[in-house]
């Protein structure tokens, strides 16, 4: 729970607009209460029966996550993955490199199959 508390601190201090926190499902009630008590928008997705992904932060960012509406990060399109990385504050150049790698690999497969 130390990592969650640190993420909460970073959000409250304005260091980050959106947080993705992966944790044990048993922590869900505690996390929901803390976020509700602090009036912080969030959405929680089950990863496995034992793990959850908690997105929390700016309401507009959370609305984007809800609009994408995919509980499994592996289901994100290349564009959604890129957007999420930028929203989470990941290095922009590394996100560009990741996007190019993902789309290039798919193009190569499509060329082999097609």
PDB file of N, CA and C in Angstrom:
ATOM      1  N   UNK A   1       0.810  -1.195   0.000  1.00  0.00           N
ATOM      2  CA  UNK A   1       0.000   0.000   0.000  1.00  0.00           C
ATOM      3  C   UNK A   1       0.861   1.269   0.000  1.00  0.00           C
ATOM      4  N   UNK A   2       2.151   1.093   0.267  1.00  0.00           N
ATOM      5  CA  UNK A   2       3.041   2.251   0.236  1.00  0.00           C
ATOM      6  C   UNK A   2       3.088   2.885  -1.147  1.00  0.00           C
ATOM      7  N   UNK A   3       3.100   2.039  -2.178  1.00  0.00           N
ATOM      8  CA  UNK A   3       3.163   2.559  -3.550  1.00  0.00           C
ATOM      9  C   UNK A   3       1.871   3.319  -3.866  1.00  0.00           C
ATOM     10  N   UNK A   4       0.720   2.777  -3.470  1.00  0.00           N
ATOM     11  CA  UNK A   4      -0.542   3.481  -3.701  1.00  0.00           C
ATOM     12  C   UNK A   4      -0.530   4.831  -2.993  1.00  0.00           C
ATOM     13  N   UNK A   5      -0.101   4.866  -1.759  1.00  0.00           N
ATOM     14  CA  UNK A   5      -0.060   6.132  -1.012  1.00  0.00           C
ATOM     15  C   UNK A   5       0.886   7.129  -1.681  1.00  0.00           C
ATOM     16  N   UNK A   6       1.989   6.630  -2.229  1.00  0.00           N
ATOM     17  CA  UNK A   6       2.908   7.511  -2.940  1.00  0.00           C
ATOM     18  C   UNK A   6       2.254   8.041  -4.222  1.00  0.00           C
ATOM     19  N   UNK A   7       1.553   7.188  -4.944  1.00  0.00           N
ATOM     20  CA  UNK A   7       0.827   7.627  -6.144  1.00  0.00           C
ATOM     21  C   UNK A   7      -0.214   8.689  -5.792  1.00  0.00           C
ATOM     22  N   UNK A   8      -0.917   8.474  -4.696  1.00  0.00           N
ATOM     23  CA  UNK A   8      -1.917   9.439  -4.235  1.00  0.00           C
ATOM     24  C   UNK A   8      -1.244  10.779  -3.928  1.00  0.00           C
ATOM     25  N   UNK A   9      -0.115  10.729  -3.266  1.00  0.00           N
ATOM     26  CA  UNK A   9       0.656  11.940  -2.950  1.00  0.00           C
ATOM     27  C   UNK A   9       1.053  12.669  -4.232  1.00  0.00           C
ATOM     28  N   UNK A  10       1.572  11.938  -5.211  1.00  0.00           N
ATOM     29  CA  UNK A  10       1.989  12.550  -6.478  1.00  0.00           C
ATOM     30  C   UNK A  10       0.814  13.228  -7.175  1.00  0.00           C
ATOM     31  N   UNK A  11      -0.347  12.591  -7.162  1.00  0.00           N
ATOM     32  CA  UNK A  11      -1.521  13.196  -7.783  1.00  0.00           C
ATOM     33  C   UNK A  11      -1.939  14.458  -7.028  1.00  0.00           C
ATOM     34  N   UNK A  12      -2.021  14.358  -5.728  1.00  0.00           N
ATOM     35  CA  UNK A  12      -2.465  15.497  -4.923  1.00  0.00           C
ATOM     36  C   UNK A  12      -1.506  16.683  -5.021  1.00  0.00           C
ATOM     37  N   UNK A  13      -0.234  16.438  -5.242  1.00  0.00           N
ATOM     38  CA  UNK A  13       0.757  17.516  -5.379  1.00  0.00           C
ATOM     39  C   UNK A  13       0.843  18.043  -6.809  1.00  0.00           C
ATOM     40  N   UNK A  14       0.062  17.456  -7.712  1.00  0.00           N
ATOM     41  CA  UNK A  14       0.040  17.929  -9.092  1.00  0.00           C
ATOM     42  C   UNK A  14       1.185  17.431  -9.950  1.00  0.00           C
ATOM     43  N   UNK A  15       1.879  16.399  -9.485  1.00  0.00           N
ATOM     44  CA  UNK A  15       2.992  15.857 -10.256  1.00  0.00           C
ATOM     45  C   UNK A  15       2.517  14.999 -11.416  1.00  0.00           C
ATOM     46  N   UNK A  16       1.351  14.391 -11.254  1.00  0.00           N
ATOM     47  CA  UNK A  16       0.805  13.530 -12.296  1.00  0.00           C
ATOM     48  C   UNK A  16      -0.684  13.781 -12.424  1.00  0.00           C
ATOM     49  N   UNK A  17      -1.202  13.682 -13.652  1.00  0.00           N
ATOM     50  CA  UNK A  17      -2.634  13.865 -13.896  1.00  0.00           C
ATOM     51  C   UNK A  17      -3.392  12.548 -13.899  1.00  0.00           C
ATOM     52  N   UNK A  18      -2.673  11.473 -14.169  1.00  0.00           N
ATOM     53  CA  UNK A  18      -3.289  10.152 -14.237  1.00  0.00           C
ATOM     54  C   UNK A  18      -2.330   9.131 -13.673  1.00  0.00           C
ATOM     55  N   UNK A  19      -2.874   8.226 -12.882  1.00  0.00           N
ATOM     56  CA  UNK A  19      -2.090   7.162 -12.264  1.00  0.00           C
ATOM     57  C   UNK A  19      -2.690   5.826 -12.665  1.00  0.00           C
ATOM     58  N   UNK A  20      -1.822   4.858 -12.949  1.00  0.00           N
ATOM     59  CA  UNK A  20      -2.229   3.465 -13.111  1.00  0.00           C
ATOM     60  C   UNK A  20      -1.523   2.688 -12.016  1.00  0.00           C
ATOM     61  N   UNK A  21      -2.302   2.114 -11.127  1.00  0.00           N
ATOM     62  CA  UNK A  21      -1.749   1.355 -10.004  1.00  0.00           C
ATOM     63  C   UNK A  21      -2.282  -0.069 -10.079  1.00  0.00           C
ATOM     64  N   UNK A  22      -1.380  -1.031 -10.162  1.00  0.00           N
ATOM     65  CA  UNK A  22      -1.754  -2.445 -10.166  1.00  0.00           C
ATOM     66  C   UNK A  22      -1.477  -3.008  -8.780  1.00  0.00           C
ATOM     67  N   UNK A  23      -2.466  -3.715  -8.232  1.00  0.00           N
ATOM     68  CA  UNK A  23      -2.329  -4.215  -6.871  1.00  0.00           C
ATOM     69  C   UNK A  23      -3.189  -5.461  -6.680  1.00  0.00           C
ATOM     70  N   UNK A  24      -3.124  -6.019  -5.496  1.00  0.00           N
ATOM     71  CA  UNK A  24      -3.925  -7.185  -5.162  1.00  0.00           C
ATOM     72  C   UNK A  24      -5.390  -6.780  -5.033  1.00  0.00           C
ATOM     73  N   UNK A  25      -6.273  -7.652  -5.488  1.00  0.00           N
ATOM     74  CA  UNK A  25      -7.713  -7.382  -5.448  1.00  0.00           C
ATOM     75  C   UNK A  25      -8.205  -7.156  -4.020  1.00  0.00           C
ATOM     76  N   UNK A  26      -7.542  -7.751  -3.065  1.00  0.00           N
ATOM     77  CA  UNK A  26      -7.967  -7.588  -1.665  1.00  0.00           C
ATOM     78  C   UNK A  26      -7.825  -6.142  -1.175  1.00  0.00           C
ATOM     79  N   UNK A  27      -7.059  -5.313  -1.888  1.00  0.00           N
ATOM     80  CA  UNK A  27      -6.889  -3.905  -1.507  1.00  0.00           C
ATOM     81  C   UNK A  27      -7.981  -3.000  -2.074  1.00  0.00           C
ATOM     82  N   UNK A  28      -8.875  -3.545  -2.854  1.00  0.00           N
ATOM     83  CA  UNK A  28      -9.868  -2.739  -3.570  1.00  0.00           C
ATOM     84  C   UNK A  28     -10.694  -1.837  -2.657  1.00  0.00           C
ATOM     85  N   UNK A  29     -11.258  -2.378  -1.599  1.00  0.00           N
ATOM     86  CA  UNK A  29     -12.125  -1.582  -0.716  1.00  0.00           C
ATOM     87  C   UNK A  29     -11.360  -0.424  -0.078  1.00  0.00           C
ATOM     88  N   UNK A  30     -10.156  -0.682   0.384  1.00  0.00           N
ATOM     89  CA  UNK A  30      -9.332   0.374   0.981  1.00  0.00           C
ATOM     90  C   UNK A  30      -9.068   1.486  -0.035  1.00  0.00           C
ATOM     91  N   UNK A  31      -8.681   1.085  -1.247  1.00  0.00           N
ATOM     92  CA  UNK A  31      -8.352   2.058  -2.298  1.00  0.00           C
ATOM     93  C   UNK A  31      -9.587   2.860  -2.682  1.00  0.00           C
ATOM     94  N   UNK A  32     -10.706   2.180  -2.884  1.00  0.00           N
ATOM     95  CA  UNK A  32     -11.935   2.898  -3.239  1.00  0.00           C
ATOM     96  C   UNK A  32     -12.316   3.907  -2.161  1.00  0.00           C
ATOM     97  N   UNK A  33     -12.206   3.516  -0.914  1.00  0.00           N
ATOM     98  CA  UNK A  33     -12.559   4.439   0.181  1.00  0.00           C
ATOM     99  C   UNK A  33     -11.643   5.657   0.177  1.00  0.00           C
ATOM    100  N   UNK A  34     -10.342   5.441   0.031  1.00  0.00           N
ATOM    101  CA  UNK A  34      -9.399   6.572   0.010  1.00  0.00           C
ATOM    102  C   UNK A  34      -9.685   7.520  -1.150  1.00  0.00           C
ATOM    103  N   UNK A  35      -9.958   6.960  -2.321  1.00  0.00           N
ATOM    104  CA  UNK A  35     -10.229   7.801  -3.485  1.00  0.00           C
ATOM    105  C   UNK A  35     -11.560   8.537  -3.332  1.00  0.00           C
ATOM    106  N   UNK A  36     -12.575   7.856  -2.831  1.00  0.00           N
ATOM    107  CA  UNK A  36     -13.874   8.497  -2.610  1.00  0.00           C
ATOM    108  C   UNK A  36     -13.769   9.579  -1.536  1.00  0.00           C
ATOM    109  N   UNK A  37     -13.069   9.282  -0.451  1.00  0.00           N
ATOM    110  CA  UNK A  37     -12.900  10.266   0.628  1.00  0.00           C
ATOM    111  C   UNK A  37     -12.193  11.529   0.139  1.00  0.00           C
ATOM    112  N   UNK A  38     -11.299  11.376  -0.841  1.00  0.00           N
ATOM    113  CA  UNK A  38     -10.545  12.506  -1.383  1.00  0.00           C
ATOM    114  C   UNK A  38     -11.177  13.066  -2.662  1.00  0.00           C
ATOM    115  N   UNK A  39     -12.370  12.542  -3.005  1.00  0.00           N
ATOM    116  CA  UNK A  39     -13.103  13.011  -4.182  1.00  0.00           C
ATOM    117  C   UNK A  39     -12.253  12.957  -5.453  1.00  0.00           C
ATOM    118  N   UNK A  40     -11.562  11.829  -5.635  1.00  0.00           N
ATOM    119  CA  UNK A  40     -10.697  11.623  -6.796  1.00  0.00           C
ATOM    120  C   UNK A  40     -11.379  10.640  -7.742  1.00  0.00           C
ATOM    121  N   UNK A  41     -11.602  11.048  -8.979  1.00  0.00           N
ATOM    122  CA  UNK A  41     -12.206  10.142  -9.955  1.00  0.00           C
ATOM    123  C   UNK A  41     -11.325   8.914 -10.199  1.00  0.00           C
ATOM    124  N   UNK A  42     -11.973   7.779 -10.436  1.00  0.00           N
ATOM    125  CA  UNK A  42     -11.222   6.542 -10.665  1.00  0.00           C
ATOM    126  C   UNK A  42     -12.060   5.539 -11.428  1.00  0.00           C
ATOM    127  N   UNK A  43     -11.379   4.539 -11.952  1.00  0.00           N
ATOM    128  CA  UNK A  43     -12.024   3.363 -12.523  1.00  0.00           C
ATOM    129  C   UNK A  43     -11.126   2.181 -12.199  1.00  0.00           C
ATOM    130  N   UNK A  44     -11.748   1.056 -11.876  1.00  0.00           N
ATOM    131  CA  UNK A  44     -10.994  -0.145 -11.506  1.00  0.00           C
ATOM    132  C   UNK A  44     -11.390  -1.277 -12.439  1.00  0.00           C
ATOM    133  N   UNK A  45     -10.376  -1.960 -12.955  1.00  0.00           N
ATOM    134  CA  UNK A  45     -10.590  -3.125 -13.807  1.00  0.00           C
ATOM    135  C   UNK A  45      -9.927  -4.339 -13.172  1.00  0.00           C
ATOM    136  N   UNK A  46     -10.595  -5.486 -13.257  1.00  0.00           N
ATOM    137  CA  UNK A  46     -10.005  -6.740 -12.799  1.00  0.00           C
ATOM    138  C   UNK A  46      -8.990  -7.202 -13.838  1.00  0.00           C
ATOM    139  N   UNK A  47      -7.800  -7.548 -13.385  1.00  0.00           N
ATOM    140  CA  UNK A  47      -6.769  -8.098 -14.264  1.00  0.00           C
ATOM    141  C   UNK A  47      -6.855  -9.613 -14.226  1.00  0.00           C
ATOM    142  N   UNK A  48      -6.869 -10.135 -13.024  1.00  0.00           N
ATOM    143  CA  UNK A  48      -7.072 -11.558 -12.745  1.00  0.00           C
ATOM    144  C   UNK A  48      -7.962 -11.603 -11.503  1.00  0.00           C
ATOM    145  N   UNK A  49      -8.365 -12.774 -11.066  1.00  0.00           N
ATOM    146  CA  UNK A  49      -9.133 -12.809  -9.811  1.00  0.00           C
ATOM    147  C   UNK A  49      -8.353 -12.236  -8.618  1.00  0.00           C
ATOM    148  N   UNK A  50      -7.026 -12.232  -8.725  1.00  0.00           N
ATOM    149  CA  UNK A  50      -6.198 -11.759  -7.610  1.00  0.00           C
ATOM    150  C   UNK A  50      -5.661 -10.340  -7.785  1.00  0.00           C
ATOM    151  N   UNK A  51      -5.722  -9.776  -8.990  1.00  0.00           N
ATOM    152  CA  UNK A  51      -5.107  -8.468  -9.288  1.00  0.00           C
ATOM    153  C   UNK A  51      -6.117  -7.513  -9.902  1.00  0.00           C
ATOM    154  N   UNK A  52      -5.914  -6.211  -9.605  1.00  0.00           N
ATOM    155  CA  UNK A  52      -6.731  -5.162 -10.201  1.00  0.00           C
ATOM    156  C   UNK A  52      -5.829  -4.050 -10.735  1.00  0.00           C
ATOM    157  N   UNK A  53      -6.338  -3.343 -11.744  1.00  0.00           N
ATOM    158  CA  UNK A  53      -5.714  -2.114 -12.228  1.00  0.00           C
ATOM    159  C   UNK A  53      -6.597  -0.962 -11.782  1.00  0.00           C
ATOM    160  N   UNK A  54      -6.004  -0.004 -11.099  1.00  0.00           N
ATOM    161  CA  UNK A  54      -6.724   1.172 -10.627  1.00  0.00           C
ATOM    162  C   UNK A  54      -6.198   2.378 -11.391  1.00  0.00           C
ATOM    163  N   UNK A  55      -7.065   2.998 -12.180  1.00  0.00           N
ATOM    164  CA  UNK A  55      -6.741   4.261 -12.825  1.00  0.00           C
ATOM    165  C   UNK A  55      -7.376   5.350 -11.965  1.00  0.00           C
ATOM    166  N   UNK A  56      -6.610   6.365 -11.592  1.00  0.00           N
ATOM    167  CA  UNK A  56      -7.218   7.479 -10.883  1.00  0.00           C
ATOM    168  C   UNK A  56      -6.504   8.774 -11.234  1.00  0.00           C
ATOM    169  N   UNK A  57      -7.251   9.865 -11.084  1.00  0.00           N
ATOM    170  CA  UNK A  57      -6.671  11.165 -11.384  1.00  0.00           C
ATOM    171  C   UNK A  57      -7.690  12.140 -11.915  1.00  0.00           C
ATOM    172  N   UNK A  58      -7.225  13.019 -12.793  1.00  0.00           N
ATOM    173  CA  UNK A  58      -8.057  14.058 -13.376  1.00  0.00           C
ATOM    174  C   UNK A  58      -9.287  13.448 -14.046  1.00  0.00           C
ATOM    175  N   UNK A  59     -10.425  14.079 -13.826  1.00  0.00           N
ATOM    176  CA  UNK A  59     -11.684  13.543 -14.342  1.00  0.00           C
ATOM    177  C   UNK A  59     -11.673  13.383 -15.863  1.00  0.00           C
ATOM    178  N   UNK A  60     -11.071  14.320 -16.578  1.00  0.00           N
ATOM    179  CA  UNK A  60     -11.025  14.213 -18.041  1.00  0.00           C
ATOM    180  C   UNK A  60     -10.194  13.013 -18.473  1.00  0.00           C
ATOM    181  N   UNK A  61      -9.105  12.758 -17.772  1.00  0.00           N
ATOM    182  CA  UNK A  61      -8.276  11.580 -18.074  1.00  0.00           C
ATOM    183  C   UNK A  61      -9.044  10.293 -17.789  1.00  0.00           C
ATOM    184  N   UNK A  62      -9.739  10.262 -16.676  1.00  0.00           N
ATOM    185  CA  UNK A  62     -10.528   9.077 -16.328  1.00  0.00           C
ATOM    186  C   UNK A  62     -11.632   8.865 -17.352  1.00  0.00           C
ATOM    187  N   UNK A  63     -12.223   9.942 -17.844  1.00  0.00           N
ATOM    188  CA  UNK A  63     -13.264   9.808 -18.866  1.00  0.00           C
ATOM    189  C   UNK A  63     -12.714   9.195 -20.145  1.00  0.00           C
ATOM    190  N   UNK A  64     -11.470   9.514 -20.486  1.00  0.00           N
ATOM    191  CA  UNK A  64     -10.845   8.892 -21.663  1.00  0.00           C
ATOM    192  C   UNK A  64     -10.692   7.391 -21.425  1.00  0.00           C
ATOM    193  N   UNK A  65     -10.227   7.016 -20.234  1.00  0.00           N
ATOM    194  CA  UNK A  65     -10.071   5.589 -19.900  1.00  0.00           C
ATOM    195  C   UNK A  65     -11.424   4.885 -19.996  1.00  0.00           C
ATOM    196  N   UNK A  66     -12.462   5.514 -19.474  1.00  0.00           N
ATOM    197  CA  UNK A  66     -13.807   4.927 -19.538  1.00  0.00           C
ATOM    198  C   UNK A  66     -14.295   4.828 -20.974  1.00  0.00           C
ATOM    199  N   UNK A  67     -13.963   5.808 -21.788  1.00  0.00           N
ATOM    200  CA  UNK A  67     -14.373   5.803 -23.195  1.00  0.00           C
ATOM    201  C   UNK A  67     -13.690   4.665 -23.957  1.00  0.00           C
ATOM    202  N   UNK A  68     -12.418   4.430 -23.661  1.00  0.00           N
ATOM    203  CA  UNK A  68     -11.713   3.301 -24.281  1.00  0.00           C
ATOM    204  C   UNK A  68     -12.378   1.998 -23.849  1.00  0.00           C
ATOM    205  N   UNK A  69     -12.733   1.913 -22.586  1.00  0.00           N
ATOM    206  CA  UNK A  69     -13.553   0.820 -22.036  1.00  0.00           C
ATOM    207  C   UNK A  69     -12.986  -0.576 -22.289  1.00  0.00           C
ATOM    208  N   UNK A  70     -11.689  -0.716 -22.085  1.00  0.00           N
ATOM    209  CA  UNK A  70     -11.058  -2.030 -22.215  1.00  0.00           C
ATOM    210  C   UNK A  70     -10.373  -2.366 -20.903  1.00  0.00           C
ATOM    211  N   UNK A  71     -10.790  -3.456 -20.298  1.00  0.00           N
ATOM    212  CA  UNK A  71     -10.235  -3.816 -19.002  1.00  0.00           C
ATOM    213  C   UNK A  71      -8.849  -4.437 -19.108  1.00  0.00           C
ATOM    214  N   UNK A  72      -8.531  -4.992 -20.260  1.00  0.00           N
ATOM    215  CA  UNK A  72      -7.237  -5.638 -20.453  1.00  0.00           C
ATOM    216  C   UNK A  72      -6.349  -4.731 -21.302  1.00  0.00           C
ATOM    217  N   UNK A  73      -5.237  -4.300 -20.752  1.00  0.00           N
ATOM    218  CA  UNK A  73      -4.331  -3.394 -21.467  1.00  0.00           C
ATOM    219  C   UNK A  73      -3.811  -4.007 -22.765  1.00  0.00           C
ATOM    220  N   UNK A  74      -3.791  -5.327 -22.843  1.00  0.00           N
ATOM    221  CA  UNK A  74      -3.341  -5.993 -24.065  1.00  0.00           C
ATOM    222  C   UNK A  74      -4.320  -5.797 -25.220  1.00  0.00           C
ATOM    223  N   UNK A  75      -5.542  -5.394 -24.904  1.00  0.00           N
ATOM    224  CA  UNK A  75      -6.558  -5.170 -25.932  1.00  0.00           C
ATOM    225  C   UNK A  75      -6.512  -3.760 -26.518  1.00  0.00           C
ATOM    226  N   UNK A  76      -5.663  -2.899 -25.963  1.00  0.00           N
ATOM    227  CA  UNK A  76      -5.558  -1.538 -26.470  1.00  0.00           C
ATOM    228  C   UNK A  76      -4.986  -1.543 -27.887  1.00  0.00           C
ATOM    229  N   UNK A  77      -5.554  -0.718 -28.745  1.00  0.00           N
ATOM    230  CA  UNK A  77      -4.972  -0.543 -30.069  1.00  0.00           C
ATOM    231  C   UNK A  77      -3.624   0.161 -29.899  1.00  0.00           C
ATOM    232  N   UNK A  78      -2.852   0.197 -30.957  1.00  0.00           N
ATOM    233  CA  UNK A  78      -1.564   0.887 -30.892  1.00  0.00           C
ATOM    234  C   UNK A  78      -1.756   2.361 -30.524  1.00  0.00           C
ATOM    235  N   UNK A  79      -2.772   2.971 -31.077  1.00  0.00           N
ATOM    236  CA  UNK A  79      -3.038   4.378 -30.809  1.00  0.00           C
ATOM    237  C   UNK A  79      -3.484   4.592 -29.363  1.00  0.00           C
ATOM    238  N   UNK A  80      -4.339   3.701 -28.850  1.00  0.00           N
ATOM    239  CA  UNK A  80      -4.786   3.804 -27.455  1.00  0.00           C
ATOM    240  C   UNK A  80      -3.622   3.591 -26.504  1.00  0.00           C
ATOM    241  N   UNK A  81      -2.755   2.637 -26.815  1.00  0.00           N
ATOM    242  CA  UNK A  81      -1.573   2.375 -26.009  1.00  0.00           C
ATOM    243  C   UNK A  81      -0.667   3.607 -25.975  1.00  0.00           C
ATOM    244  N   UNK A  82      -0.480   4.236 -27.122  1.00  0.00           N
ATOM    245  CA  UNK A  82       0.346   5.441 -27.216  1.00  0.00           C
ATOM    246  C   UNK A  82      -0.254   6.561 -26.361  1.00  0.00           C
ATOM    247  N   UNK A  83      -1.560   6.778 -26.530  1.00  0.00           N
ATOM    248  CA  UNK A  83      -2.236   7.824 -25.760  1.00  0.00           C
ATOM    249  C   UNK A  83      -2.128   7.576 -24.264  1.00  0.00           C
ATOM    250  N   UNK A  84      -2.341   6.334 -23.856  1.00  0.00           N
ATOM    251  CA  UNK A  84      -2.271   6.004 -22.435  1.00  0.00           C
ATOM    252  C   UNK A  84      -0.890   6.305 -21.882  1.00  0.00           C
ATOM    253  N   UNK A  85       0.143   5.907 -22.607  1.00  0.00           N
ATOM    254  CA  UNK A  85       1.501   6.177 -22.148  1.00  0.00           C
ATOM    255  C   UNK A  85       1.764   7.658 -21.972  1.00  0.00           C
ATOM    256  N   UNK A  86       1.307   8.461 -22.916  1.00  0.00           N
ATOM    257  CA  UNK A  86       1.483   9.911 -22.817  1.00  0.00           C
ATOM    258  C   UNK A  86       0.697  10.454 -21.626  1.00  0.00           C
ATOM    259  N   UNK A  87      -0.546   9.986 -21.452  1.00  0.00           N
ATOM    260  CA  UNK A  87      -1.378  10.453 -20.338  1.00  0.00           C
ATOM    261  C   UNK A  87      -0.774  10.085 -18.979  1.00  0.00           C
ATOM    262  N   UNK A  88      -0.089   8.940 -18.928  1.00  0.00           N
ATOM    263  CA  UNK A  88       0.539   8.508 -17.675  1.00  0.00           C
ATOM    264  C   UNK A  88       1.866   9.225 -17.415  1.00  0.00           C
ATOM    265  N   UNK A  89       2.311  10.009 -18.387  1.00  0.00           N
ATOM    266  CA  UNK A  89       3.532  10.782 -18.192  1.00  0.00           C
ATOM    267  C   UNK A  89       4.801  10.067 -18.591  1.00  0.00           C
ATOM    268  N   UNK A  90       4.661   8.991 -19.370  1.00  0.00           N
ATOM    269  CA  UNK A  90       5.851   8.280 -19.824  1.00  0.00           C
ATOM    270  C   UNK A  90       6.615   9.154 -20.810  1.00  0.00           C
ATOM    271  N   UNK A  91       7.871   8.882 -20.971  1.00  0.00           N
ATOM    272  CA  UNK A  91       8.728   9.631 -21.878  1.00  0.00           C
ATOM    273  C   UNK A  91       8.137   9.645 -23.283  1.00  0.00           C
ATOM    274  N   UNK A  92       7.982  10.827 -23.852  1.00  0.00           N
ATOM    275  CA  UNK A  92       7.328  10.957 -25.160  1.00  0.00           C
ATOM    276  C   UNK A  92       8.114  10.270 -26.276  1.00  0.00           C
ATOM    277  N   UNK A  93       9.420  10.425 -26.260  1.00  0.00           N
ATOM    278  CA  UNK A  93      10.230   9.805 -27.314  1.00  0.00           C
ATOM    279  C   UNK A  93      10.144   8.285 -27.207  1.00  0.00           C
ATOM    280  N   UNK A  94      10.206   7.754 -25.998  1.00  0.00           N
ATOM    281  CA  UNK A  94      10.085   6.307 -25.828  1.00  0.00           C
ATOM    282  C   UNK A  94       8.707   5.823 -26.262  1.00  0.00           C
ATOM    283  N   UNK A  95       7.670   6.619 -26.013  1.00  0.00           N
ATOM    284  CA  UNK A  95       6.331   6.238 -26.462  1.00  0.00           C
ATOM    285  C   UNK A  95       6.261   6.236 -27.985  1.00  0.00           C
ATOM    286  N   UNK A  96       6.920   7.206 -28.617  1.00  0.00           N
ATOM    287  CA  UNK A  96       6.964   7.226 -30.086  1.00  0.00           C
ATOM    288  C   UNK A  96       7.684   5.988 -30.606  1.00  0.00           C
ATOM    289  N   UNK A  97       8.799   5.635 -29.991  1.00  0.00           N
ATOM    290  CA  UNK A  97       9.547   4.443 -30.399  1.00  0.00           C
ATOM    291  C   UNK A  97       8.699   3.184 -30.224  1.00  0.00           C
ATOM    292  N   UNK A  98       8.000   3.098 -29.101  1.00  0.00           N
ATOM    293  CA  UNK A  98       7.142   1.936 -28.836  1.00  0.00           C
ATOM    294  C   UNK A  98       6.044   1.840 -29.892  1.00  0.00           C
ATOM    295  N   UNK A  99       5.430   2.963 -30.215  1.00  0.00           N
ATOM    296  CA  UNK A  99       4.360   2.990 -31.218  1.00  0.00           C
ATOM    297  C   UNK A  99       4.883   2.527 -32.578  1.00  0.00           C
ATOM    298  N   UNK A 100       6.022   3.051 -32.977  1.00  0.00           N
ATOM    299  CA  UNK A 100       6.612   2.668 -34.268  1.00  0.00           C
ATOM    300  C   UNK A 100       6.927   1.169 -34.284  1.00  0.00           C
ATOM    301  N   UNK A 101       7.503   0.661 -33.200  1.00  0.00           N
ATOM    302  CA  UNK A 101       7.815  -0.769 -33.121  1.00  0.00           C
ATOM    303  C   UNK A 101       6.555  -1.623 -33.242  1.00  0.00           C
ATOM    304  N   UNK A 102       5.510  -1.235 -32.521  1.00  0.00           N
ATOM    305  CA  UNK A 102       4.260  -2.008 -32.551  1.00  0.00           C
ATOM    306  C   UNK A 102       3.636  -1.996 -33.935  1.00  0.00           C
ATOM    307  N   UNK A 103       3.551  -0.827 -34.546  1.00  0.00           N
ATOM    308  CA  UNK A 103       2.897  -0.738 -35.854  1.00  0.00           C
ATOM    309  C   UNK A 103       3.753  -1.375 -36.942  1.00  0.00           C
ATOM    310  N   UNK A 104       5.066  -1.261 -36.837  1.00  0.00           N
ATOM    311  CA  UNK A 104       5.957  -1.882 -37.828  1.00  0.00           C
ATOM    312  C   UNK A 104       5.844  -3.395 -37.775  1.00  0.00           C
ATOM    313  N   UNK A 105       5.805  -3.948 -36.572  1.00  0.00           N
ATOM    314  CA  UNK A 105       5.688  -5.400 -36.419  1.00  0.00           C
ATOM    315  C   UNK A 105       4.377  -5.894 -37.025  1.00  0.00           C
ATOM    316  N   UNK A 106       3.297  -5.177 -36.825  1.00  0.00           N
ATOM    317  CA  UNK A 106       2.003  -5.588 -37.394  1.00  0.00           C
ATOM    318  C   UNK A 106       2.014  -5.470 -38.910  1.00  0.00           C
ATOM    319  N   UNK A 107       2.654  -4.423 -39.418  1.00  0.00           N
ATOM    320  CA  UNK A 107       2.739  -4.254 -40.870  1.00  0.00           C
ATOM    321  C   UNK A 107       3.512  -5.407 -41.500  1.00  0.00           C
ATOM    322  N   UNK A 108       4.592  -5.824 -40.849  1.00  0.00           N
ATOM    323  CA  UNK A 108       5.392  -6.939 -41.365  1.00  0.00           C
ATOM    324  C   UNK A 108       4.576  -8.218 -41.410  1.00  0.00           C
ATOM    325  N   UNK A 109       3.806  -8.472 -40.363  1.00  0.00           N
ATOM    326  CA  UNK A 109       2.953  -9.667 -40.322  1.00  0.00           C
ATOM    327  C   UNK A 109       1.904  -9.586 -41.432  1.00  0.00           C
ATOM    328  N   UNK A 110       1.283  -8.416 -41.577  1.00  0.00           N
ATOM    329  CA  UNK A 110       0.264  -8.242 -42.617  1.00  0.00           C
ATOM    330  C   UNK A 110       0.859  -8.487 -44.017  1.00  0.00           C
ATOM    331  N   UNK A 111       2.076  -8.033 -44.234  1.00  0.00           N
ATOM    332  CA  UNK A 111       2.725  -8.232 -45.539  1.00  0.00           C
ATOM    333  C   UNK A 111       3.026  -9.705 -45.795  1.00  0.00           C
ATOM    334  N   UNK A 112       3.410 -10.435 -44.746  1.00  0.00           N
ATOM    335  CA  UNK A 112       3.681 -11.854 -44.888  1.00  0.00           C
ATOM    336  C   UNK A 112       2.404 -12.643 -45.177  1.00  0.00           C
ATOM    337  N   UNK A 113       1.346 -12.283 -44.484  1.00  0.00           N
ATOM    338  CA  UNK A 113       0.064 -12.984 -44.630  1.00  0.00           C
ATOM    339  C   UNK A 113      -0.620 -12.583 -45.939  1.00  0.00           C
ATOM    340  N   UNK A 114      -0.584 -11.292 -46.263  1.00  0.00           N
ATOM    341  CA  UNK A 114      -1.305 -10.741 -47.414  1.00  0.00           C
ATOM    342  C   UNK A 114      -0.622 -11.041 -48.669  1.00  0.00           C
TER     343      UNK A 114
END
